[in-house]
Amino acid sequence: MTRHAFEEQLDVLHRKLMTMGTLVEEAIHKSIKSLVERDSTLADEVVANDRLINELEHEIEGGCFQLIALQQPVGHDLRRLGTMLKLVTDLERMGDHAVSIAKTTRRLKNEEYIKPLIDIPLMGDHVKQMVRDSLNAYIARDKEEAEKIAARDDVVDKLYSTIFRDLIALMTRNSDSISQATHLLLVAQYLERIADHVTNICEWIIYMKTGKMTDLNQ
């Protein structure tokens, strides 16, 4: 395979990765919107579209392994392919968490909420933006931006702590709220895990750029 052909096939995989990232970002947005609006139809759409995310994951993985087998890349080229393989795994798991949020919408669609949903949508917006920005940093191979995005996980953690305290207080005051509060707490956990996957992506961006693994979860 010529260098030109290698770059062309790599570009195809990059475009598929961006499509996958857009689908994941949309899934996060729609899952939270479905929860806030108790929109089970929108929740069903998130669950159904997860198939597209999974298909893209398999296509990208297959393409990466094919290039590795045919081109036997080394150095930066191998890091680029390895990073892509790691990114699709993190994106697929983000999509799974969005599906879990959508399924929570299905469970709670006929219930009045025990409190207004304010911090969860705020957390969702923050996480969704982190996903978008991390993919832009990946395209630009921007090490410094990746570090800044990972640092924003602190905001997500603080929001999670606030939600946790509020829901625990509600459960303590009113035992009837325990079931719904538990589901809402799980939603916050799903969003926190998505942010953790973004941090993983940022670590792999730095690895792709420098060849060094960095722990950004400290």
Protein backbone atom coordinates (compact mmCIF):
# COMPACT_ATOMS: atom_id res chain seq x y z
CA MET A 1 0.00 0.00 0.00
CA THR A 2 1.38 3.42 -0.95
CA ARG A 3 1.68 6.26 1.53
CA HIS A 4 -1.05 8.14 -0.32
CA ALA A 5 -3.42 5.18 -0.13
CA PHE A 6 -2.66 4.78 3.59
CA GLU A 7 -3.51 8.43 4.27
CA GLU A 8 -6.69 8.19 2.21
CA GLN A 9 -7.93 5.16 4.15
CA LEU A 10 -6.97 6.79 7.43
CA ASP A 11 -8.97 9.86 6.43
CA VAL A 12 -12.02 7.68 5.77
CA LEU A 13 -11.69 6.23 9.26
CA HIS A 14 -11.34 9.72 10.74
CA ARG A 15 -14.58 10.80 9.08
CA LYS A 16 -16.38 7.74 10.41
CA LEU A 17 -15.03 8.51 13.87
CA MET A 18 -16.39 12.07 13.66
CA THR A 19 -19.76 10.70 12.59
CA MET A 20 -19.72 8.33 15.54
CA GLY A 21 -18.81 11.19 17.87
CA THR A 22 -21.68 13.31 16.56
CA LEU A 23 -24.13 10.44 17.12
CA VAL A 24 -22.87 9.99 20.67
CA GLU A 25 -23.17 13.70 21.37
CA GLU A 26 -26.73 13.67 20.03
CA ALA A 27 -27.56 10.59 22.12
CA ILE A 28 -26.42 12.34 25.30
CA HIS A 29 -28.44 15.45 24.45
CA LYS A 30 -31.58 13.52 23.53
CA SER A 31 -31.39 11.20 26.52
CA ILE A 32 -31.30 14.12 28.97
CA LYS A 33 -33.98 15.98 27.02
CA SER A 34 -36.18 12.88 27.09
CA LEU A 35 -35.74 12.66 30.86
CA VAL A 36 -36.52 16.31 31.53
CA GLU A 37 -39.58 16.29 29.24
CA ARG A 38 -40.65 12.71 30.09
CA ASP A 39 -40.54 12.03 26.34
CA SER A 40 -40.55 8.26 25.90
CA THR A 41 -40.60 8.59 22.09
CA LEU A 42 -37.31 10.47 22.19
CA ALA A 43 -35.95 7.90 24.64
CA ASP A 44 -36.88 5.13 22.20
CA GLU A 45 -34.98 6.99 19.47
CA VAL A 46 -31.83 7.05 21.60
CA VAL A 47 -32.09 3.31 22.23
CA ALA A 48 -32.73 2.53 18.55
CA ASN A 49 -29.90 4.72 17.26
CA ASP A 50 -27.37 2.98 19.50
CA ARG A 51 -27.20 0.33 16.79
CA LEU A 52 -25.65 2.91 14.43
CA ILE A 53 -22.99 3.78 17.01
CA ASN A 54 -22.13 0.12 17.49
CA GLU A 55 -21.93 -0.47 13.74
CA LEU A 56 -19.53 2.43 13.30
CA GLU A 57 -17.39 1.12 16.14
CA HIS A 58 -17.04 -2.24 14.37
CA GLU A 59 -16.33 -0.61 10.99
CA ILE A 60 -13.62 1.64 12.44
CA GLU A 61 -12.04 -1.17 14.41
CA GLY A 62 -11.99 -3.40 11.33
CA GLY A 63 -10.46 -0.63 9.23
CA CYS A 64 -7.76 0.08 11.81
CA PHE A 65 -6.78 -3.57 12.13
CA GLN A 66 -6.69 -3.91 8.36
CA LEU A 67 -4.31 -0.94 8.05
CA ILE A 68 -2.12 -2.32 10.82
CA ALA A 69 -1.94 -5.71 9.08
CA LEU A 70 -1.29 -4.34 5.58
CA GLN A 71 0.90 -1.34 6.38
CA GLN A 72 2.65 -2.54 9.55
CA PRO A 73 2.91 1.07 10.75
CA VAL A 74 5.42 2.20 13.35
CA GLY A 75 5.99 5.36 15.36
CA HIS A 76 3.45 8.13 14.92
CA ASP A 77 1.34 6.19 12.40
CA LEU A 78 0.90 3.33 14.85
CA ARG A 79 0.01 5.79 17.63
CA ARG A 80 -2.63 7.36 15.38
CA LEU A 81 -4.29 4.00 14.74
CA GLY A 82 -3.96 2.92 18.35
CA THR A 83 -5.53 6.16 19.52
CA MET A 84 -8.42 5.72 17.14
CA LEU A 85 -9.06 2.21 18.46
CA LYS A 86 -9.15 3.55 22.02
CA LEU A 87 -11.41 6.46 21.10
CA VAL A 88 -14.09 4.29 19.50
CA THR A 89 -14.20 2.13 22.62
CA ASP A 90 -14.74 5.17 24.84
CA LEU A 91 -17.34 6.62 22.47
CA GLU A 92 -19.25 3.34 22.35
CA ARG A 93 -19.40 3.23 26.13
CA MET A 94 -20.64 6.82 26.23
CA GLY A 95 -23.43 5.77 23.89
CA ASP A 96 -24.28 2.91 26.24
CA HIS A 97 -24.59 5.36 29.14
CA ALA A 98 -26.91 7.57 27.07
CA VAL A 99 -29.06 4.49 26.41
CA SER A 100 -29.18 3.81 30.15
CA ILE A 101 -30.42 7.37 30.74
CA ALA A 102 -33.06 6.91 28.04
CA LYS A 103 -34.22 3.71 29.71
CA THR A 104 -34.58 5.66 32.95
CA THR A 105 -36.93 8.00 31.09
CA ARG A 106 -39.06 4.99 30.21
CA ARG A 107 -39.20 3.92 33.87
CA LEU A 108 -40.12 7.36 35.20
CA LYS A 109 -42.29 8.69 32.39
CA ASN A 110 -45.54 8.40 34.39
CA GLU A 111 -44.16 9.80 37.64
CA GLU A 112 -44.15 13.34 38.94
CA TYR A 113 -40.58 14.27 39.73
CA ILE A 114 -39.69 14.59 43.40
CA LYS A 115 -37.78 17.79 42.62
CA PRO A 116 -37.24 20.03 39.58
CA LEU A 117 -34.49 18.68 37.33
CA ILE A 118 -31.98 21.52 37.28
CA ASP A 119 -28.52 20.16 38.06
CA ILE A 120 -28.88 16.99 35.96
CA PRO A 121 -29.56 18.91 32.69
CA LEU A 122 -26.75 21.32 33.61
CA MET A 123 -24.44 18.38 34.11
CA GLY A 124 -25.61 16.90 30.81
CA ASP A 125 -24.89 20.12 28.91
CA HIS A 126 -21.42 20.31 30.41
CA VAL A 127 -20.62 16.69 29.58
CA LYS A 128 -21.96 17.02 26.03
CA GLN A 129 -19.71 20.04 25.43
CA MET A 130 -16.73 18.14 26.80
CA VAL A 131 -17.40 15.36 24.27
CA ARG A 132 -17.55 17.84 21.40
CA ASP A 133 -14.44 19.71 22.49
CA SER A 134 -12.43 16.52 22.98
CA LEU A 135 -13.17 15.43 19.43
CA ASN A 136 -12.12 18.85 18.13
CA ALA A 137 -8.90 18.53 20.14
CA TYR A 138 -8.36 15.10 18.60
CA ILE A 139 -8.75 16.50 15.08
CA ALA A 140 -6.32 19.34 15.88
CA ARG A 141 -3.99 16.99 17.83
CA ASP A 142 -4.00 19.73 20.46
CA LYS A 143 -2.23 18.50 23.60
CA GLU A 144 -2.80 21.70 25.60
CA GLU A 145 -6.50 21.80 24.80
CA ALA A 146 -6.85 18.14 25.78
CA GLU A 147 -5.37 18.95 29.18
CA LYS A 148 -7.80 21.86 29.65
CA ILE A 149 -10.81 19.71 28.70
CA ALA A 150 -9.81 16.97 31.14
CA ALA A 151 -9.53 19.55 33.93
CA ARG A 152 -13.20 20.44 33.38
CA ASP A 153 -14.09 17.05 34.84
CA ASP A 154 -13.84 18.80 38.22
CA VAL A 155 -17.00 20.76 37.38
CA VAL A 156 -18.82 17.51 36.59
CA ASP A 157 -17.64 15.98 39.87
CA LYS A 158 -18.90 18.99 41.83
CA LEU A 159 -22.29 18.82 40.12
CA TYR A 160 -22.48 15.12 40.89
CA SER A 161 -21.71 15.79 44.55
CA THR A 162 -24.48 18.39 44.69
CA ILE A 163 -27.00 16.03 43.08
CA PHE A 164 -25.93 13.20 45.39
CA ARG A 165 -26.38 15.32 48.53
CA ASP A 166 -29.77 16.65 47.40
CA LEU A 167 -31.14 13.22 46.54
CA ILE A 168 -29.85 11.59 49.70
CA ALA A 169 -31.50 14.36 51.73
CA LEU A 170 -34.79 13.78 49.91
CA MET A 171 -34.63 10.04 50.54
CA THR A 172 -33.92 10.67 54.21
CA ARG A 173 -36.92 12.96 54.59
CA ASN A 174 -39.33 10.91 52.52
CA SER A 175 -38.99 7.15 52.07
CA ASP A 176 -41.50 7.23 49.21
CA SER A 177 -38.92 9.11 47.13
CA ILE A 178 -36.25 6.41 47.41
CA SER A 179 -37.04 4.55 44.18
CA GLN A 180 -37.13 7.60 41.92
CA ALA A 181 -34.21 9.27 43.68
CA THR A 182 -32.13 6.15 43.12
CA HIS A 183 -32.88 6.24 39.38
CA LEU A 184 -31.96 9.93 39.19
CA LEU A 185 -28.76 9.29 41.09
CA LEU A 186 -27.87 6.62 38.54
CA VAL A 187 -28.42 9.17 35.75
CA ALA A 188 -25.90 11.47 37.43
CA GLN A 189 -23.48 8.55 37.69
CA TYR A 190 -23.87 7.80 33.97
CA LEU A 191 -23.01 11.41 33.16
CA GLU A 192 -20.03 11.31 35.49
CA ARG A 193 -18.78 8.18 33.71
CA ILE A 194 -19.17 9.85 30.32
CA ALA A 195 -16.94 12.67 31.57
CA ASP A 196 -14.41 10.04 32.69
CA HIS A 197 -14.41 8.63 29.16
CA VAL A 198 -13.75 12.12 27.82
CA THR A 199 -10.73 12.28 30.13
CA ASN A 200 -9.57 8.97 28.65
CA ILE A 201 -9.85 10.47 25.16
CA CYS A 202 -7.78 13.46 26.27
CA GLU A 203 -5.08 11.12 27.59
CA TRP A 204 -4.96 9.35 24.24
CA ILE A 205 -4.72 12.65 22.37
CA ILE A 206 -1.64 13.47 24.41
CA TYR A 207 -0.24 10.00 23.75
CA MET A 208 -0.83 10.38 20.01
CA LYS A 209 1.00 13.71 20.06
CA THR A 210 3.90 12.87 22.40
CA GLY A 211 4.14 9.08 22.62
CA LYS A 212 3.83 9.33 26.41
CA MET A 213 0.94 8.13 28.60
CA THR A 214 -0.37 10.75 31.00
CA ASP A 215 -2.77 10.24 33.93
CA LEU A 216 -5.26 13.10 33.84
CA ASN A 217 -7.48 11.64 36.56
CA GLN A 218 -5.23 12.80 39.38
